[in-house]
Amino acid sequence: IFAAGGDGGEGLMLHYDGQDWTNMDVATNGPSTERFFRGIWGRGPLDVFAVGRSGVIWHYDGAWSRMTSNTAVDLLGIWGHGSTTLLAVGAGGTVMQHVAGEWSAMETPVQTQLNGIWGSGPDDVFVSGDQRTILHLEGGVWSAVRSGTTEDLEDIWSDGPHDAYAVGTQGTLLHHCRR
């Protein structure tokens, strides 16, 4: 299990091996902004990604290495599917996709901060964000989904292709059903 976060100016990356939590040294020689993590996702114990301030993306394959993200915006969430789909979200309506070893921006219909991301597959992805934002990726195109709230949405998750759940400020809990 990996856990990532940060407080003020220092970031923290922890690993649990089934017995103990240990602090993992990430970018010990770099600026503290490179160690302030906001999101983490992994395909397995030796294929983990973490995102954070100023477009920072780290990859773990037994050792942490910094990836070139091609963005300077704060990244707040990351999600992937299989060995080919990897998406990161962040400030200014940013969605970055990792294709053929390179990160590039995807066009979205919003400029708001995007906080959370989840998908059931590469063509069924939801994103949540500030100002009641929910986006859905289908057919390679992002579209806005009516959320029915005025609150900022912090995260989104689902247990299958039909139901998505979003949480937000002021105790907001939303359920989106596509049956």
Protein backbone atom coordinates (compact mmCIF):
# COMPACT_ATOMS: atom_id res chain seq x y z
CA ILE A 1 0.00 0.00 0.00
CA PHE A 2 1.25 3.47 -0.88
CA ALA A 3 0.08 6.74 0.72
CA ALA A 4 1.01 10.21 -0.50
CA GLY A 5 0.37 13.70 0.80
CA GLY A 6 1.89 16.92 1.97
CA ASP A 7 1.64 19.70 4.51
CA GLY A 8 2.63 23.28 3.85
CA GLY A 9 5.85 22.79 1.91
CA GLU A 10 6.93 19.20 2.53
CA GLY A 11 5.54 16.13 0.89
CA LEU A 12 5.33 12.64 2.24
CA MET A 13 5.35 9.23 0.55
CA LEU A 14 4.71 6.17 2.68
CA HIS A 15 4.75 2.46 1.86
CA TYR A 16 3.10 -0.32 3.89
CA ASP A 17 4.58 -3.78 3.34
CA GLY A 18 1.95 -5.68 5.34
CA GLN A 19 3.78 -5.17 8.63
CA ASP A 20 5.14 -1.62 8.85
CA TRP A 21 4.80 1.83 7.29
CA THR A 22 8.08 3.29 5.98
CA ASN A 23 8.86 6.74 4.61
CA MET A 24 10.07 6.57 1.02
CA ASP A 25 12.65 9.14 -0.05
CA VAL A 26 11.42 10.89 -3.17
CA ALA A 27 13.37 13.77 -4.73
CA THR A 28 15.49 14.33 -1.65
CA ASN A 29 17.76 16.64 -3.65
CA GLY A 30 15.01 18.51 -5.47
CA PRO A 31 12.85 21.45 -4.36
CA SER A 32 10.11 20.74 -1.81
CA THR A 33 7.43 21.47 -4.45
CA GLU A 34 8.50 18.26 -6.18
CA ARG A 35 7.63 16.32 -3.03
CA PHE A 36 4.14 17.71 -2.34
CA PHE A 37 1.81 14.95 -3.54
CA ARG A 38 -1.92 15.28 -4.16
CA GLY A 39 -2.83 12.02 -5.90
CA ILE A 40 -1.56 8.48 -6.26
CA TRP A 41 -2.54 5.44 -8.33
CA GLY A 42 -0.88 2.16 -9.15
CA ARG A 43 -1.17 -0.81 -11.48
CA GLY A 44 0.82 -2.98 -9.07
CA PRO A 45 3.53 -2.82 -6.41
CA LEU A 46 6.20 -1.89 -8.97
CA ASP A 47 4.13 0.44 -11.17
CA VAL A 48 2.88 3.39 -9.09
CA PHE A 49 2.33 7.03 -10.10
CA ALA A 50 2.06 10.14 -7.90
CA VAL A 51 1.09 13.69 -8.93
CA GLY A 52 1.43 17.07 -7.25
CA ARG A 53 2.35 20.72 -7.46
CA SER A 54 3.60 22.40 -10.62
CA GLY A 55 2.87 19.44 -12.88
CA VAL A 56 5.01 17.00 -10.94
CA ILE A 57 4.51 13.33 -11.86
CA TRP A 58 6.59 10.59 -10.25
CA HIS A 59 6.75 6.93 -11.26
CA TYR A 60 7.80 4.04 -9.01
CA ASP A 61 9.19 0.84 -10.51
CA GLY A 62 11.36 -0.15 -7.56
CA ALA A 63 12.80 3.38 -7.38
CA TRP A 64 11.08 6.75 -7.80
CA SER A 65 11.84 8.75 -10.95
CA ARG A 66 10.37 12.05 -12.13
CA MET A 67 8.45 12.03 -15.41
CA THR A 68 8.24 14.97 -17.82
CA SER A 69 4.58 16.02 -17.59
CA ASN A 70 4.55 18.84 -20.18
CA THR A 71 2.48 21.02 -17.83
CA ALA A 72 3.20 23.42 -14.97
CA VAL A 73 -0.28 23.36 -13.40
CA ASP A 74 -0.93 21.64 -10.07
CA LEU A 75 -2.06 18.06 -10.65
CA LEU A 76 -4.56 16.71 -8.10
CA GLY A 77 -5.63 13.25 -9.22
CA ILE A 78 -4.43 10.35 -11.34
CA TRP A 79 -6.06 7.17 -12.64
CA GLY A 80 -5.28 4.48 -15.13
CA HIS A 81 -6.64 1.33 -16.72
CA GLY A 82 -4.60 -1.63 -17.88
CA SER A 83 -1.16 -0.98 -19.25
CA THR A 84 -2.13 1.70 -21.79
CA THR A 85 -4.47 4.25 -20.15
CA LEU A 86 -3.14 6.84 -17.69
CA LEU A 87 -4.81 10.21 -17.03
CA ALA A 88 -4.03 13.02 -14.56
CA VAL A 89 -6.28 15.98 -13.66
CA GLY A 90 -5.62 19.38 -12.14
CA ALA A 91 -6.00 23.14 -12.12
CA GLY A 92 -7.59 25.09 -14.96
CA GLY A 93 -9.61 22.19 -16.37
CA THR A 94 -6.41 20.27 -17.10
CA VAL A 95 -6.55 16.63 -18.13
CA MET A 96 -3.21 15.11 -19.13
CA GLN A 97 -2.98 11.77 -20.91
CA HIS A 98 0.02 9.47 -21.15
CA VAL A 99 0.37 8.00 -24.64
CA ALA A 100 3.44 6.29 -26.11
CA GLY A 101 5.66 7.46 -23.25
CA GLU A 102 4.64 11.15 -23.49
CA TRP A 103 2.21 13.30 -21.47
CA SER A 104 -0.07 15.62 -23.46
CA ALA A 105 -3.11 17.77 -22.70
CA MET A 106 -6.64 16.73 -23.61
CA GLU A 107 -9.26 19.32 -24.51
CA THR A 108 -12.01 19.75 -21.89
CA PRO A 109 -15.11 21.97 -21.84
CA VAL A 110 -14.18 23.62 -18.49
CA GLN A 111 -11.51 25.84 -16.93
CA THR A 112 -12.29 24.92 -13.30
CA GLN A 113 -10.01 22.96 -11.01
CA LEU A 114 -10.43 19.21 -11.50
CA ASN A 115 -9.90 17.20 -8.31
CA GLY A 116 -10.82 13.54 -8.76
CA ILE A 117 -10.85 10.95 -11.52
CA TRP A 118 -12.22 7.41 -11.91
CA GLY A 119 -13.08 5.14 -14.79
CA SER A 120 -14.34 1.64 -15.53
CA GLY A 121 -12.29 1.55 -18.73
CA PRO A 122 -10.44 3.80 -21.16
CA ASP A 123 -13.69 4.98 -22.80
CA ASP A 124 -15.73 5.43 -19.60
CA VAL A 125 -14.05 7.96 -17.30
CA PHE A 126 -15.53 10.48 -14.84
CA VAL A 127 -13.83 13.57 -13.41
CA SER A 128 -15.04 15.75 -10.51
CA GLY A 129 -14.06 19.33 -9.80
CA ASP A 130 -14.79 22.73 -8.33
CA GLN A 131 -17.96 24.68 -9.15
CA ARG A 132 -20.08 21.47 -9.28
CA THR A 133 -18.08 20.09 -12.21
CA ILE A 134 -18.52 16.53 -13.43
CA LEU A 135 -17.04 15.50 -16.78
CA HIS A 136 -17.46 12.21 -18.62
CA LEU A 137 -15.11 10.81 -21.26
CA GLU A 138 -16.78 8.72 -23.92
CA GLY A 139 -15.63 8.19 -27.50
CA GLY A 140 -12.49 10.20 -26.80
CA VAL A 141 -14.50 13.37 -26.04
CA TRP A 142 -15.05 15.04 -22.65
CA SER A 143 -18.57 16.32 -21.97
CA ALA A 144 -20.11 18.06 -18.96
CA VAL A 145 -22.58 16.10 -16.83
CA ARG A 146 -25.23 17.98 -14.84
CA SER A 147 -24.42 17.47 -11.17
CA GLY A 148 -27.47 19.07 -9.52
CA THR A 149 -25.39 20.80 -6.83
CA THR A 150 -23.63 24.14 -6.38
CA GLU A 151 -20.78 22.69 -4.27
CA ASP A 152 -17.21 21.90 -5.21
CA LEU A 153 -16.76 18.17 -5.88
CA GLU A 154 -13.57 16.72 -4.41
CA ASP A 155 -13.54 13.12 -5.61
CA ILE A 156 -15.41 10.57 -7.70
CA TRP A 157 -15.59 6.76 -7.71
CA SER A 158 -17.66 3.93 -9.09
CA ASP A 159 -18.02 0.19 -8.78
CA GLY A 160 -18.93 -0.40 -12.42
CA PRO A 161 -19.90 1.22 -15.68
CA HIS A 162 -23.40 2.28 -14.56
CA ASP A 163 -23.04 4.05 -11.21
CA ALA A 164 -20.72 6.91 -10.20
CA TYR A 165 -20.52 8.55 -6.78
CA ALA A 166 -19.08 12.01 -6.12
CA VAL A 167 -18.30 13.69 -2.80
CA GLY A 168 -17.80 17.37 -2.16
CA THR A 169 -17.89 20.30 0.21
CA GLN A 170 -20.66 20.82 2.75
CA GLY A 171 -21.18 17.05 3.02
CA THR A 172 -22.24 16.69 -0.60
CA LEU A 173 -22.75 13.11 -1.82
CA LEU A 174 -24.01 12.52 -5.35
CA HIS A 175 -25.03 9.38 -7.21
CA HIS A 176 -25.08 9.31 -11.01
CA CYS A 177 -26.91 6.35 -12.56
CA ARG A 178 -26.66 5.51 -16.28
CA ARG A 179 -29.04 2.56 -16.67
